[in-house]
Amino acid sequence: MIAFIDIDWQAKLNDLVDGIVYWAPNLLWAIGIYVIGKLAAKIARSILRGMMRKGKADETLTVFVTNIAYGALMAFVVIAALGRLGVETNSLVAILATAGLAIGLALQGSLGNFAAGVMLIMFRPFKLGDFVEAGGVTGKVKDIQIFSTVIDTPDNKRMIIPNGSITSDVITNYDGNPTRRVDLVAGIGYGDDAAEAKRILEDILEKEPLVLKDPAPAVAMVELADSSVNFNVRPWCKSGDYWTVYSSVTEQIKLRFDAAGISIPYPQQDVHMHTVA
């Protein structure tokens, strides 16, 4: 036996029409909010990108910041659209906030490195190619990334340093200024001619082509040490010529002192033995 169910199609149709009449305006409003909001977010992203590029911000930072801003604006637009449809957005916002807090706690080390990377890119304590001492590593900066900095050491080892370790310690940028002073100490024996030694040192600095005339190099007697009379030898040079000048001047001091018969003493002790009857 087949049972027939009497369905009031007219009532169902009326309910459907009533539902469409009720939901259609809200749906149209939600679509309008989403479309207009998305367009506004894109415009805001373009304006922010233009401002950062005009300010000569790093391209990596520009892309990252503009994408973060666009994502935040779109999240606001989606929540507003869902609210217009009658969705309870308070619980959704609470869930998103809780998830964000959990992710932040899990990635707090990475977020710290990210914040440090933003500081390095914005404030530029060093740039690519600079010879620096940072995060316990000395070498040439190869790359500055959002979470870490790449440094090549003088013996060509590649070191990846978390940005947080760099910004939490002293940064020494040896190429930060166009010129550097080379500090050398030249010692002679007490029996040598100090005036002649000083003249030789000044002549060495005058003839070294990479030594700058301004600031002027300086030679001065500074110490009567236990085994030597010491002179400070301080030429100035371009930062990129530092080690060349350091090596060249040191070599010339040795050669010129030897040629002039001026000794370069080293620490020594005289031991006197007495025989007791």
Protein backbone atom coordinates (compact mmCIF):
# COMPACT_ATOMS: atom_id res chain seq x y z
CA MET A 1 0.00 0.00 0.00
CA ILE A 2 1.31 3.40 -0.92
CA ALA A 3 0.57 6.28 1.44
CA PHE A 4 0.16 9.70 -0.01
CA ILE A 5 1.19 12.70 2.04
CA ASP A 6 -0.79 15.81 1.52
CA ILE A 7 1.70 18.68 1.18
CA ASP A 8 0.59 22.28 1.31
CA TRP A 9 2.73 23.52 -1.58
CA GLN A 10 1.20 26.95 -1.38
CA ALA A 11 2.35 27.35 2.23
CA LYS A 12 5.82 26.12 1.36
CA LEU A 13 6.01 28.55 -1.52
CA ASN A 14 4.86 31.38 0.70
CA ASP A 15 7.54 30.49 3.29
CA LEU A 16 10.18 30.44 0.56
CA VAL A 17 9.10 33.82 -0.74
CA ASP A 18 9.05 35.23 2.79
CA GLY A 19 12.58 33.86 3.39
CA ILE A 20 13.87 35.39 0.16
CA VAL A 21 12.24 38.70 0.96
CA TYR A 22 13.80 38.63 4.44
CA TRP A 23 17.30 37.47 3.45
CA ALA A 24 17.71 39.16 0.06
CA PRO A 25 18.44 42.68 1.39
CA ASN A 26 20.87 41.37 4.00
CA LEU A 27 22.57 39.18 1.39
CA LEU A 28 22.88 42.10 -0.99
CA TRP A 29 24.26 44.26 1.82
CA ALA A 30 26.78 41.55 2.75
CA ILE A 31 27.92 41.20 -0.87
CA GLY A 32 28.18 44.98 -1.17
CA ILE A 33 30.21 45.22 2.04
CA TYR A 34 32.57 42.50 0.84
CA VAL A 35 33.07 43.92 -2.67
CA ILE A 36 33.50 47.53 -1.55
CA GLY A 37 35.63 46.50 1.44
CA LYS A 38 37.92 44.39 -0.75
CA LEU A 39 38.33 47.30 -3.19
CA ALA A 40 39.09 49.68 -0.29
CA ALA A 41 41.65 47.21 1.15
CA LYS A 42 43.42 47.02 -2.22
CA ILE A 43 43.50 50.81 -2.50
CA ALA A 44 44.86 51.11 1.05
CA ARG A 45 47.52 48.50 0.26
CA SER A 46 48.57 50.40 -2.87
CA ILE A 47 48.78 53.69 -0.96
CA LEU A 48 50.85 52.10 1.81
CA ARG A 49 53.16 50.43 -0.74
CA GLY A 50 53.66 53.73 -2.52
CA MET A 51 54.47 55.55 0.72
CA MET A 52 57.01 52.92 1.78
CA ARG A 53 58.70 52.88 -1.62
CA LYS A 54 58.80 56.66 -1.65
CA GLY A 55 60.49 56.47 1.74
CA LYS A 56 63.00 54.03 0.20
CA ALA A 57 62.01 51.19 2.54
CA ASP A 58 63.44 47.76 1.83
CA GLU A 59 61.35 45.88 -0.77
CA THR A 60 61.14 42.76 1.41
CA LEU A 61 59.75 44.81 4.29
CA THR A 62 57.41 46.67 1.94
CA VAL A 63 55.85 43.47 0.58
CA PHE A 64 55.54 41.91 4.03
CA VAL A 65 53.98 44.94 5.73
CA THR A 66 51.52 45.67 2.90
CA ASN A 67 50.38 42.03 2.82
CA ILE A 68 49.88 42.01 6.60
CA ALA A 69 47.86 45.25 6.37
CA TYR A 70 45.75 43.87 3.50
CA GLY A 71 45.06 40.63 5.41
CA ALA A 72 43.97 42.55 8.52
CA LEU A 73 41.63 44.78 6.52
CA MET A 74 40.11 41.79 4.71
CA ALA A 75 39.51 40.02 8.03
CA PHE A 76 37.60 43.09 9.22
CA VAL A 77 35.59 43.17 5.95
CA VAL A 78 34.65 39.47 6.19
CA ILE A 79 33.55 39.83 9.82
CA ALA A 80 31.44 42.87 8.89
CA ALA A 81 29.80 40.98 6.01
CA LEU A 82 29.01 37.96 8.19
CA GLY A 83 27.56 40.25 10.85
CA ARG A 84 25.21 41.71 8.25
CA LEU A 85 23.99 38.17 7.49
CA GLY A 86 23.14 37.68 11.12
CA VAL A 87 26.10 35.51 12.04
CA GLU A 88 27.22 35.92 15.65
CA THR A 89 30.60 37.56 15.13
CA ASN A 90 31.53 38.01 18.80
CA SER A 91 32.33 34.33 19.18
CA LEU A 92 34.19 34.36 15.86
CA VAL A 93 36.34 37.29 16.97
CA ALA A 94 37.02 35.53 20.27
CA ILE A 95 38.10 32.36 18.45
CA LEU A 96 40.39 34.33 16.14
CA ALA A 97 41.88 36.21 19.09
CA THR A 98 42.50 32.98 20.98
CA ALA A 99 44.09 31.38 17.94
CA GLY A 100 46.26 34.45 17.39
CA LEU A 101 47.39 34.38 21.04
CA ALA A 102 48.24 30.67 20.83
CA ILE A 103 50.19 31.15 17.61
CA GLY A 104 51.97 34.18 19.08
CA LEU A 105 53.06 32.22 22.17
CA ALA A 106 54.24 29.30 20.05
CA LEU A 107 56.21 31.57 17.74
CA GLN A 108 57.40 34.19 20.23
CA GLY A 109 61.06 33.52 19.39
CA SER A 110 60.39 33.87 15.67
CA LEU A 111 58.27 36.97 16.24
CA GLY A 112 61.13 38.50 18.24
CA ASN A 113 63.51 37.81 15.36
CA PHE A 114 60.96 39.28 12.96
CA ALA A 115 60.67 42.47 15.01
CA ALA A 116 64.46 42.69 15.15
CA GLY A 117 64.62 42.19 11.37
CA VAL A 118 62.18 45.04 10.85
CA MET A 119 64.38 47.26 13.04
CA LEU A 120 67.51 46.31 11.08
CA ILE A 121 65.81 47.03 7.76
CA MET A 122 64.30 50.32 8.94
CA PHE A 123 67.21 51.82 10.89
CA ARG A 124 70.06 50.34 8.80
CA PRO A 125 72.93 49.99 11.32
CA PHE A 126 74.70 48.24 8.45
CA LYS A 127 74.07 47.47 4.79
CA LEU A 128 74.96 44.71 2.35
CA GLY A 129 78.71 44.42 1.88
CA ASP A 130 79.66 46.08 5.20
CA PHE A 131 82.30 44.41 7.36
CA VAL A 132 80.73 44.11 10.80
CA GLU A 133 80.92 42.44 14.18
CA ALA A 134 77.40 41.46 15.19
CA GLY A 135 75.85 38.65 17.19
CA GLY A 136 79.30 37.33 18.10
CA VAL A 137 80.29 36.94 14.42
CA THR A 138 82.74 39.05 12.42
CA GLY A 139 82.53 39.21 8.64
CA LYS A 140 80.93 40.76 5.57
CA VAL A 141 77.14 41.13 5.43
CA LYS A 142 75.79 38.97 2.61
CA ASP A 143 72.03 39.28 3.15
CA ILE A 144 69.58 40.90 5.59
CA GLN A 145 66.40 38.82 5.88
CA ILE A 146 63.27 39.20 7.96
CA PHE A 147 64.24 36.57 10.56
CA SER A 148 68.03 36.30 10.18
CA THR A 149 71.15 37.95 8.77
CA VAL A 150 73.73 36.15 6.62
CA ILE A 151 77.41 36.97 7.24
CA ASP A 152 80.43 35.57 5.39
CA THR A 153 83.48 35.32 7.65
CA PRO A 154 87.01 36.22 6.44
CA ASP A 155 87.77 32.48 6.01
CA ASN A 156 84.62 32.20 3.84
CA LYS A 157 82.30 30.45 6.29
CA ARG A 158 78.64 31.41 5.93
CA MET A 159 77.01 32.24 9.26
CA ILE A 160 73.23 32.59 9.75
CA ILE A 161 72.55 34.76 12.81
CA PRO A 162 69.05 35.29 14.27
CA ASN A 163 68.22 38.98 14.11
CA GLY A 164 67.27 39.00 17.80
CA SER A 165 70.86 38.07 18.72
CA ILE A 166 72.14 41.00 16.65
CA THR A 167 69.90 43.75 17.99
CA SER A 168 70.32 42.61 21.62
CA ASP A 169 74.09 43.17 21.54
CA VAL A 170 76.63 45.76 20.40
CA ILE A 171 76.97 46.14 16.62
CA THR A 172 80.38 47.22 15.32
CA ASN A 173 80.29 48.42 11.71
CA TYR A 174 83.87 48.73 10.48
CA ASP A 175 82.67 50.22 7.18
CA GLY A 176 80.13 52.56 8.76
CA ASN A 177 82.37 55.60 8.18
CA PRO A 178 84.32 56.35 4.99
CA THR A 179 87.67 56.55 6.82
CA ARG A 180 89.37 54.66 9.65
CA ARG A 181 92.45 55.19 11.78
CA VAL A 182 95.09 52.45 11.91
CA ASP A 183 96.57 52.11 15.41
CA LEU A 184 100.08 50.64 15.57
CA VAL A 185 102.72 50.58 18.29
CA ALA A 186 106.41 50.58 17.33
CA GLY A 187 108.97 49.90 20.05
CA ILE A 188 112.72 50.64 19.98
CA GLY A 189 115.52 49.88 22.41
CA TYR A 190 116.64 52.32 25.09
CA GLY A 191 120.03 52.56 23.42
CA ASP A 192 118.61 53.53 20.00
CA ASP A 193 118.24 57.04 18.59
CA ALA A 194 114.64 58.02 19.36
CA ALA A 195 114.70 61.10 17.13
CA GLU A 196 115.90 59.07 14.15
CA ALA A 197 113.27 56.40 14.80
CA LYS A 198 110.52 59.02 14.85
CA ARG A 199 111.81 60.54 11.60
CA ILE A 200 111.76 57.10 9.92
CA LEU A 201 108.20 56.44 11.11
CA GLU A 202 106.98 59.79 9.80
CA ASP A 203 108.74 59.15 6.47
CA ILE A 204 107.06 55.73 6.15
CA LEU A 205 103.62 57.28 6.60
CA GLU A 206 104.38 60.11 4.19
CA LYS A 207 105.44 57.71 1.42
CA GLU A 208 102.61 55.19 1.87
CA PRO A 209 100.22 56.04 -1.03
CA LEU A 210 97.06 54.79 0.75
CA VAL A 211 97.60 56.93 3.86
CA LEU A 212 95.39 60.03 3.82
CA LYS A 213 96.82 63.50 4.19
CA ASP A 214 93.66 64.72 5.90
CA PRO A 215 93.28 63.77 8.71
CA ALA A 216 97.05 63.96 9.07
CA PRO A 217 98.89 60.87 10.36
CA ALA A 218 100.48 61.09 13.80
CA VAL A 219 103.64 59.66 15.37
CA ALA A 220 104.25 60.24 19.09
CA MET A 221 106.38 58.74 21.86
CA VAL A 222 103.90 57.47 24.43
CA GLU A 223 105.58 55.04 26.81
CA LEU A 224 108.87 54.19 28.49
CA ALA A 225 108.10 50.51 28.93
CA ASP A 226 110.07 47.82 30.75
CA SER A 227 111.96 46.72 27.65
CA SER A 228 111.28 49.38 25.01
CA VAL A 229 110.52 52.97 24.14
CA ASN A 230 107.12 52.87 22.43
CA PHE A 231 105.73 55.11 19.69
CA ASN A 232 102.08 55.34 18.65
CA VAL A 233 101.86 55.22 14.84
CA ARG A 234 98.42 56.37 13.68
CA PRO A 235 97.76 56.86 9.96
CA TRP A 236 94.27 57.42 8.49
CA CYS A 237 92.98 55.62 5.40
CA LYS A 238 89.79 54.71 3.56
CA SER A 239 87.85 51.99 5.38
CA GLY A 240 88.34 49.54 2.52
CA ASP A 241 92.14 50.03 2.64
CA TYR A 242 92.51 49.35 6.37
CA TRP A 243 94.20 45.95 6.28
CA THR A 244 96.36 46.88 3.28
CA VAL A 245 97.70 49.93 5.12
CA TYR A 246 98.07 47.97 8.37
CA SER A 247 100.21 45.28 6.72
CA SER A 248 102.22 47.65 4.52
CA VAL A 249 103.16 50.06 7.33
CA THR A 250 104.05 47.20 9.70
CA GLU A 251 106.32 45.66 7.07
CA GLN A 252 108.01 48.99 6.30
CA ILE A 253 108.70 49.63 10.00
CA LYS A 254 110.54 46.34 10.29
CA LEU A 255 112.54 46.82 7.07
CA ARG A 256 113.46 50.48 7.72
CA PHE A 257 114.43 49.87 11.35
CA ASP A 258 116.64 46.96 10.33
CA ALA A 259 118.30 49.07 7.63
CA ALA A 260 118.97 51.90 10.12
CA GLY A 261 120.29 49.56 12.80
CA ILE A 262 117.39 50.34 15.17
CA SER A 263 116.46 47.39 17.34
CA ILE A 264 112.93 46.18 18.00
CA PRO A 265 113.26 44.77 21.54
CA TYR A 266 111.32 41.96 23.08
CA PRO A 267 110.71 41.29 26.78
CA GLN A 268 113.68 39.63 28.49
CA GLN A 269 115.08 39.13 31.96
CA ASP A 270 118.62 39.05 33.25
CA VAL A 271 119.23 36.37 35.87
CA HIS A 272 122.23 36.90 38.20
CA MET A 273 123.48 33.91 40.20
CA HIS A 274 125.52 34.39 43.36
CA THR A 275 127.53 31.65 45.00
CA VAL A 276 127.26 31.61 48.77
CA ALA A 277 130.19 30.04 50.65
